[in-house]
Amino acid sequence: MPDDPDESFVIHTVLNSRPRGAAPSVAEGAETLIPLAPGDDAACVPGNSVVTVDAMVEGVHWDDKLSPADVGWKLIAANASDINAMAAIPQWAVLTMCLPRPLDRDWVQQFASGLGEALEQWSIQLVGGDTTRSTSGRMLSLTMSGTTSTPVGRCGAKHDDDIWVSGPLGGAAAAFCIEDMDTHALRRPHPPVGLGHALGQAHLATSMMDLSDGLSRDLPRLCKASGVGAVIEHASLPAHASLQSVADPLPLMVGFGEEYELLFTASPHHRNEVETTGVAFGKEMTRIGTINTDTQAGPQLDLGHWPAPLFSHFEERA
C-alpha cells in the first residue's frame, strides 16, 4: 500500500524546513504547540483546542457531480471530520475563497446555502475569512477549530488492539466511478461528529483518524505514526449498500476514500463499550482487524495484496 509519493514529498519538505526540522514530541508546557505526531488530522494548541485546515480545488476535489451547495456542505464536513478524528467538538471556522472573474453570483449564493446548512447541522460558527480573485478556477480553504480535553492522535495504537471503522466503505467511490449510481454519499458526506469526542472522553480509542483518502492509504499512516503493523480481515470490511451489485467492490471500498468515517484502535477488552458508544450516535461499529508489531511487513490484507489507490492529489483522476 504505497502512500502518495508527491503528497508525502510536499508534506515532509515543508515540515523539515521548520526550525529544528521534524515535529516536536508532545510537550509539557501549556505555551507551546503540541502536535501528537506529524500528519495528525489536526494540531493541538494551548487551551484544549485543535485546529485543522482543508482546501478544495475545482477540477481536483469536485466536478459537475457536485452542485455549488454540495461543495459548501462538503467543505464544512471535511474539516468537521478532521476535528472529530482528534476527539474534539468543532466550534468555529474561517473561510478563504479564490474566485475567477467575472464573478458568478448565482454560484456564490448556492455555495453559501450549502455551507450554511452544514454549519447549522454541526453548530459551527463562521467567524471570518478572506476573498480574492483567482486567475483560473475556484479554490476554497477552510480553517476550523474545536475543543477537547482528551485529544487522540494516530500514534497510540498498541499490539493486539482491535481496528475499527465507524461506518460502511465505498459509497463515495461508487458515486464517482459508476454511472447511474446514487451520488448522495459523495455529495453530502455526514461524518459522525461527536462520536470521536465520546471515544476520547471514555478513553476507548488508543489511536484515531478519519478515512478521507481510503483505507489503503490511511491505515499505513496510522501504523507508521504508532510504530506498529496490522492485519485486516477482508471479509469483515463493511461495504456500502450501493456496492451490492459490484462484482469486485474491494478497490472501491479501500482505494478512494471520502467516507469521513472514523478509523480507530481500541483494546479488545473494550469491545462492548465501543459498540455501545456507536449505537448512541446511530453508528454500527465494525471491527476489521488487529494491530501487531510486524512493522517490516506493514499493514496486511488477509487475502493478499491491497488494490491500488484510486486517487492522488497530484495526478489526474481517470
Protein backbone atom coordinates (compact mmCIF):
# COMPACT_ATOMS: atom_id res chain seq x y z
CA MET A 1 0.00 0.00 0.00
CA PRO A 2 2.22 2.87 -1.16
CA ASP A 3 1.50 6.35 0.09
CA ASP A 4 1.01 9.19 -2.37
CA PRO A 5 4.70 9.97 -3.10
CA ASP A 6 4.14 13.54 -4.29
CA GLU A 7 1.93 14.45 -1.34
CA SER A 8 4.42 12.88 1.07
CA PHE A 9 7.28 14.82 -0.53
CA VAL A 10 5.44 18.14 -0.14
CA ILE A 11 4.48 17.48 3.48
CA HIS A 12 7.91 16.24 4.56
CA THR A 13 9.73 19.05 2.76
CA VAL A 14 7.63 21.71 4.47
CA LEU A 15 7.89 20.05 7.89
CA ASN A 16 11.66 19.75 7.60
CA SER A 17 12.02 23.44 6.74
CA ARG A 18 10.87 24.48 10.20
CA PRO A 19 13.33 25.35 12.96
CA ARG A 20 14.65 22.09 14.44
CA GLY A 21 13.34 20.14 11.47
CA ALA A 22 11.00 17.35 12.48
CA ALA A 23 7.85 17.87 14.53
CA PRO A 24 8.34 18.15 18.29
CA SER A 25 7.01 15.48 20.62
CA VAL A 26 4.12 16.10 22.99
CA ALA A 27 5.15 18.99 25.22
CA GLU A 28 4.55 19.53 28.93
CA GLY A 29 4.30 23.31 28.76
CA ALA A 30 0.96 24.97 28.04
CA GLU A 31 2.50 27.69 25.88
CA THR A 32 3.85 25.50 23.07
CA LEU A 33 2.27 23.81 20.11
CA ILE A 34 1.82 20.12 20.88
CA PRO A 35 1.18 18.07 17.74
CA LEU A 36 0.79 14.42 18.71
CA ALA A 37 2.50 13.29 15.51
CA PRO A 38 3.31 14.71 12.07
CA GLY A 39 0.26 14.32 9.88
CA ASP A 40 -2.42 14.10 12.58
CA ASP A 41 -5.85 15.21 11.43
CA ALA A 42 -5.49 18.45 13.43
CA ALA A 43 -2.86 20.22 15.53
CA CYS A 44 -3.23 20.51 19.30
CA VAL A 45 -2.74 24.05 20.59
CA PRO A 46 -2.92 25.61 24.06
CA GLY A 47 -6.32 25.88 25.69
CA ASN A 48 -7.63 22.37 24.90
CA SER A 49 -8.01 23.35 21.26
CA VAL A 50 -7.31 21.57 17.99
CA VAL A 51 -7.03 23.32 14.62
CA THR A 52 -7.22 21.96 11.09
CA VAL A 53 -7.24 23.39 7.58
CA ASP A 54 -8.54 21.82 4.38
CA ALA A 55 -8.65 23.09 0.79
CA MET A 56 -10.90 22.19 -2.13
CA VAL A 57 -9.86 22.97 -5.71
CA GLU A 58 -12.26 22.91 -8.64
CA GLY A 59 -11.36 20.09 -11.01
CA VAL A 60 -9.35 18.28 -8.32
CA HIS A 61 -11.80 17.88 -5.41
CA TRP A 62 -15.07 18.44 -7.25
CA ASP A 63 -16.59 18.47 -10.71
CA ASP A 64 -20.12 18.75 -12.09
CA LYS A 65 -21.26 15.78 -9.98
CA LEU A 66 -21.42 18.31 -7.13
CA SER A 67 -23.65 21.36 -7.10
CA PRO A 68 -22.29 24.59 -5.58
CA ALA A 69 -24.39 23.84 -2.47
CA ASP A 70 -22.80 20.38 -2.25
CA VAL A 71 -19.34 21.97 -2.38
CA GLY A 72 -20.24 24.26 0.53
CA TRP A 73 -21.56 21.35 2.58
CA LYS A 74 -18.58 19.17 1.81
CA LEU A 75 -16.03 21.83 2.74
CA ILE A 76 -17.53 22.03 6.23
CA ALA A 77 -17.96 18.26 6.52
CA ALA A 78 -14.32 17.51 5.63
CA ASN A 79 -13.00 19.88 8.27
CA ALA A 80 -15.50 18.79 10.91
CA SER A 81 -14.38 15.22 10.23
CA ASP A 82 -10.76 16.16 11.00
CA ILE A 83 -11.79 17.78 14.28
CA ASN A 84 -13.93 14.75 15.13
CA ALA A 85 -10.98 12.43 14.44
CA MET A 86 -8.97 14.23 17.14
CA ALA A 87 -11.73 13.51 19.70
CA ALA A 88 -12.84 17.16 19.64
CA ILE A 89 -16.08 19.07 19.05
CA PRO A 90 -15.91 21.63 16.20
CA GLN A 91 -16.68 25.22 17.24
CA TRP A 92 -15.62 27.89 14.71
CA ALA A 93 -14.21 28.31 11.23
CA VAL A 94 -12.70 30.92 8.91
CA LEU A 95 -13.07 30.74 5.13
CA THR A 96 -10.88 31.78 2.20
CA MET A 97 -12.45 31.95 -1.26
CA CYS A 98 -10.48 32.43 -4.51
CA LEU A 99 -12.96 33.09 -7.33
CA PRO A 100 -12.49 33.83 -11.04
CA ARG A 101 -13.83 36.84 -12.90
CA PRO A 102 -16.48 37.62 -13.89
CA LEU A 103 -17.98 36.75 -10.52
CA ASP A 104 -20.73 34.12 -10.75
CA ARG A 105 -23.13 35.47 -8.15
CA ASP A 106 -25.54 32.55 -8.51
CA TRP A 107 -22.71 30.08 -7.79
CA VAL A 108 -21.74 32.03 -4.66
CA GLN A 109 -25.34 32.11 -3.39
CA GLN A 110 -25.79 28.36 -3.87
CA PHE A 111 -22.40 27.63 -2.29
CA ALA A 112 -23.27 29.78 0.72
CA SER A 113 -26.58 27.94 1.10
CA GLY A 114 -24.89 24.53 1.38
CA LEU A 115 -22.18 25.96 3.63
CA GLY A 116 -24.83 27.39 5.94
CA GLU A 117 -26.72 24.09 6.08
CA ALA A 118 -23.60 22.27 7.24
CA LEU A 119 -22.67 24.96 9.76
CA GLU A 120 -26.15 24.63 11.25
CA GLN A 121 -26.01 20.83 11.18
CA TRP A 122 -22.96 20.74 13.46
CA SER A 123 -23.47 24.04 15.35
CA ILE A 124 -20.30 25.64 13.96
CA GLN A 125 -19.80 29.41 13.83
CA LEU A 126 -18.23 31.05 10.75
CA VAL A 127 -16.27 33.91 12.33
CA GLY A 128 -14.24 35.40 9.46
CA GLY A 129 -12.22 34.82 6.33
CA ASP A 130 -10.90 36.37 3.13
CA THR A 131 -11.78 36.60 -0.57
CA THR A 132 -9.56 37.20 -3.57
CA ARG A 133 -9.56 36.84 -7.35
CA SER A 134 -8.39 33.61 -8.96
CA THR A 135 -6.72 33.60 -12.37
CA SER A 136 -8.08 30.11 -13.12
CA GLY A 137 -10.73 28.04 -11.31
CA ARG A 138 -12.29 28.28 -7.88
CA MET A 139 -10.24 27.41 -4.78
CA LEU A 140 -11.68 27.25 -1.27
CA SER A 141 -9.88 26.84 2.04
CA LEU A 142 -11.40 26.47 5.48
CA THR A 143 -9.67 26.56 8.85
CA MET A 144 -11.61 25.07 11.74
CA SER A 145 -11.05 24.77 15.47
CA GLY A 146 -12.56 22.56 18.12
CA THR A 147 -12.07 21.72 21.77
CA THR A 148 -11.23 18.59 23.71
CA SER A 149 -9.54 17.74 26.99
CA THR A 150 -8.63 14.27 25.73
CA PRO A 151 -7.14 14.56 22.21
CA VAL A 152 -6.47 11.32 20.34
CA GLY A 153 -3.92 11.20 17.53
CA ARG A 154 -2.55 8.46 15.31
CA CYS A 155 0.39 7.43 17.48
CA GLY A 156 -1.16 5.38 20.29
CA ALA A 157 -2.08 2.03 18.70
CA LYS A 158 -0.79 -0.97 20.67
CA HIS A 159 -0.13 -4.63 19.97
CA ASP A 160 -3.34 -6.70 19.88
CA ASP A 161 -5.57 -3.62 19.69
CA ASP A 162 -8.72 -4.06 17.63
CA ILE A 163 -9.03 -1.95 14.48
CA TRP A 164 -12.46 -0.38 13.94
CA VAL A 165 -14.32 1.68 11.38
CA SER A 166 -17.45 3.63 12.25
CA GLY A 167 -19.39 3.06 9.03
CA PRO A 168 -19.61 1.47 5.58
CA LEU A 169 -16.91 1.91 2.95
CA GLY A 170 -17.08 2.65 -0.76
CA GLY A 171 -20.18 4.80 -1.12
CA ALA A 172 -18.37 7.90 -2.38
CA ALA A 173 -16.20 5.81 -4.71
CA ALA A 174 -19.24 4.12 -6.23
CA ALA A 175 -20.88 7.50 -6.78
CA PHE A 176 -17.80 8.87 -8.53
CA CYS A 177 -16.75 5.84 -10.56
CA ILE A 178 -20.00 4.13 -11.58
CA GLU A 179 -22.60 5.71 -13.85
CA ASP A 180 -26.23 5.99 -12.74
CA MET A 181 -25.27 5.45 -9.08
CA ASP A 182 -26.85 7.32 -6.19
CA THR A 183 -24.41 10.20 -5.54
CA HIS A 184 -25.58 11.25 -2.08
CA ALA A 185 -22.59 9.67 -0.29
CA LEU A 186 -20.23 11.69 -2.49
CA ARG A 187 -22.18 14.95 -2.47
CA ARG A 188 -23.28 15.12 1.17
CA PRO A 189 -20.91 13.18 3.44
CA HIS A 190 -22.04 13.00 7.04
CA PRO A 191 -19.10 12.40 9.39
CA PRO A 192 -20.12 11.13 12.84
CA VAL A 193 -19.31 14.41 14.58
CA GLY A 194 -19.32 13.90 18.35
CA LEU A 195 -18.50 10.20 18.17
CA GLY A 196 -14.76 10.85 18.18
CA HIS A 197 -15.14 13.07 21.22
CA ALA A 198 -17.14 10.37 23.00
CA LEU A 199 -14.49 7.73 22.25
CA GLY A 200 -11.80 10.06 23.58
CA GLN A 201 -13.68 11.11 26.71
CA ALA A 202 -14.30 7.47 27.60
CA HIS A 203 -10.61 6.64 26.97
CA LEU A 204 -11.61 3.92 24.49
CA ALA A 205 -9.67 4.94 21.36
CA THR A 206 -5.90 4.42 21.58
CA SER A 207 -5.37 5.99 18.14
CA MET A 208 -7.75 7.57 15.65
CA MET A 209 -8.03 9.30 12.28
CA ASP A 210 -10.67 9.83 9.61
CA LEU A 211 -10.97 7.92 6.34
CA SER A 212 -10.55 10.73 3.84
CA ASP A 213 -8.01 9.11 1.49
CA GLY A 214 -9.15 5.48 1.72
CA LEU A 215 -8.17 2.60 3.97
CA SER A 216 -5.31 1.53 1.70
CA ARG A 217 -3.57 4.87 2.34
CA ASP A 218 -4.88 5.92 5.74
CA LEU A 219 -4.19 2.69 7.65
CA PRO A 220 -0.45 2.75 6.79
CA ARG A 221 -0.31 6.34 8.07
CA LEU A 222 -1.80 5.31 11.40
CA CYS A 223 0.52 2.32 11.64
CA LYS A 224 3.59 4.40 10.78
CA ALA A 225 2.72 7.01 13.42
CA SER A 226 2.22 4.30 16.05
CA GLY A 227 5.21 2.17 15.01
CA VAL A 228 3.08 -0.94 14.51
CA GLY A 229 1.77 -3.28 11.84
CA ALA A 230 -1.74 -4.55 11.20
CA VAL A 231 -3.74 -7.39 9.69
CA ILE A 232 -7.09 -6.53 8.10
CA GLU A 233 -9.76 -9.21 7.70
CA HIS A 234 -11.13 -8.74 4.19
CA ALA A 235 -14.44 -10.43 5.00
CA SER A 236 -15.07 -8.02 7.88
CA LEU A 237 -14.88 -4.83 5.81
CA PRO A 238 -18.35 -3.21 5.76
CA ALA A 239 -19.45 -2.49 2.18
CA HIS A 240 -21.71 0.44 1.39
CA ALA A 241 -25.18 -0.62 0.24
CA SER A 242 -24.55 0.83 -3.23
CA LEU A 243 -21.86 -1.82 -3.86
CA GLN A 244 -24.20 -4.82 -3.64
CA SER A 245 -24.21 -5.36 -7.41
CA VAL A 246 -20.48 -4.68 -7.93
CA ALA A 247 -18.52 -7.83 -8.81
CA ASP A 248 -15.26 -6.68 -7.16
CA PRO A 249 -16.08 -3.98 -4.59
CA LEU A 250 -12.76 -4.09 -2.70
CA PRO A 251 -10.92 -1.41 -4.75
CA LEU A 252 -13.83 0.98 -4.24
CA MET A 253 -14.01 0.16 -0.52
CA VAL A 254 -10.34 0.79 0.27
CA GLY A 255 -8.80 2.82 -2.56
CA PHE A 256 -10.83 6.00 -2.92
CA GLY A 257 -11.79 7.44 0.46
CA GLU A 258 -14.08 10.39 1.20
CA GLU A 259 -16.10 8.27 3.62
CA TYR A 260 -15.13 10.61 6.50
CA GLU A 261 -15.81 7.74 8.88
CA LEU A 262 -13.52 7.11 11.83
CA LEU A 263 -10.66 4.61 11.67
CA PHE A 264 -9.51 3.87 15.22
CA THR A 265 -7.95 1.30 17.51
CA ALA A 266 -9.08 0.13 20.92
CA SER A 267 -8.24 -2.58 23.42
CA PRO A 268 -10.11 -5.86 22.83
CA HIS A 269 -11.29 -5.56 26.43
CA HIS A 270 -13.46 -2.58 25.38
CA ARG A 271 -15.41 -4.15 22.52
CA ASN A 272 -18.78 -3.86 24.22
CA GLU A 273 -18.15 -0.23 25.22
CA VAL A 274 -17.08 0.68 21.67
CA GLU A 275 -20.21 -0.86 20.17
CA THR A 276 -22.45 0.80 22.76
CA THR A 277 -20.85 4.20 22.10
CA GLY A 278 -21.52 3.77 18.39
CA VAL A 279 -25.19 2.94 18.99
CA ALA A 280 -25.61 6.23 20.89
CA PHE A 281 -24.63 8.04 17.66
CA GLY A 282 -26.61 5.80 15.33
CA LYS A 283 -23.45 4.08 14.08
CA GLU A 284 -22.77 0.37 13.68
CA MET A 285 -19.11 -0.03 14.59
CA THR A 286 -17.23 -2.72 12.66
CA ARG A 287 -14.09 -4.46 13.88
CA ILE A 288 -11.97 -5.05 10.77
CA GLY A 289 -8.63 -6.32 12.05
CA THR A 290 -5.88 -6.37 14.64
CA ILE A 291 -2.75 -4.37 15.39
CA ASN A 292 0.53 -6.30 15.57
CA THR A 293 4.20 -5.39 15.92
CA ASP A 294 5.33 -6.60 12.49
CA THR A 295 6.37 -3.22 11.18
CA GLN A 296 8.54 -4.76 8.44
CA ALA A 297 5.56 -6.29 6.66
CA GLY A 298 3.37 -3.24 7.16
CA PRO A 299 -0.42 -3.38 7.15
CA GLN A 300 -1.54 -6.67 5.59
CA LEU A 301 -4.79 -7.74 3.95
CA ASP A 302 -5.61 -11.34 4.82
CA LEU A 303 -6.41 -12.27 1.22
CA GLY A 304 -3.19 -10.88 -0.29
CA HIS A 305 -2.26 -7.60 -1.99
CA TRP A 306 -4.11 -4.33 -1.46
CA PRO A 307 -5.75 -2.81 -4.54
CA ALA A 308 -4.03 0.29 -5.90
CA PRO A 309 -5.30 3.65 -4.59
CA LEU A 310 -7.80 5.34 -6.91
CA PHE A 311 -6.90 8.97 -6.10
CA SER A 312 -3.75 11.06 -5.96
CA HIS A 313 -3.57 14.76 -5.08
CA PHE A 314 -1.06 15.39 -7.88
CA GLU A 315 -2.35 13.13 -10.67
CA GLU A 316 -5.40 13.36 -12.91
CA ARG A 317 -8.36 11.23 -11.95
CA ALA A 318 -9.22 8.59 -14.52
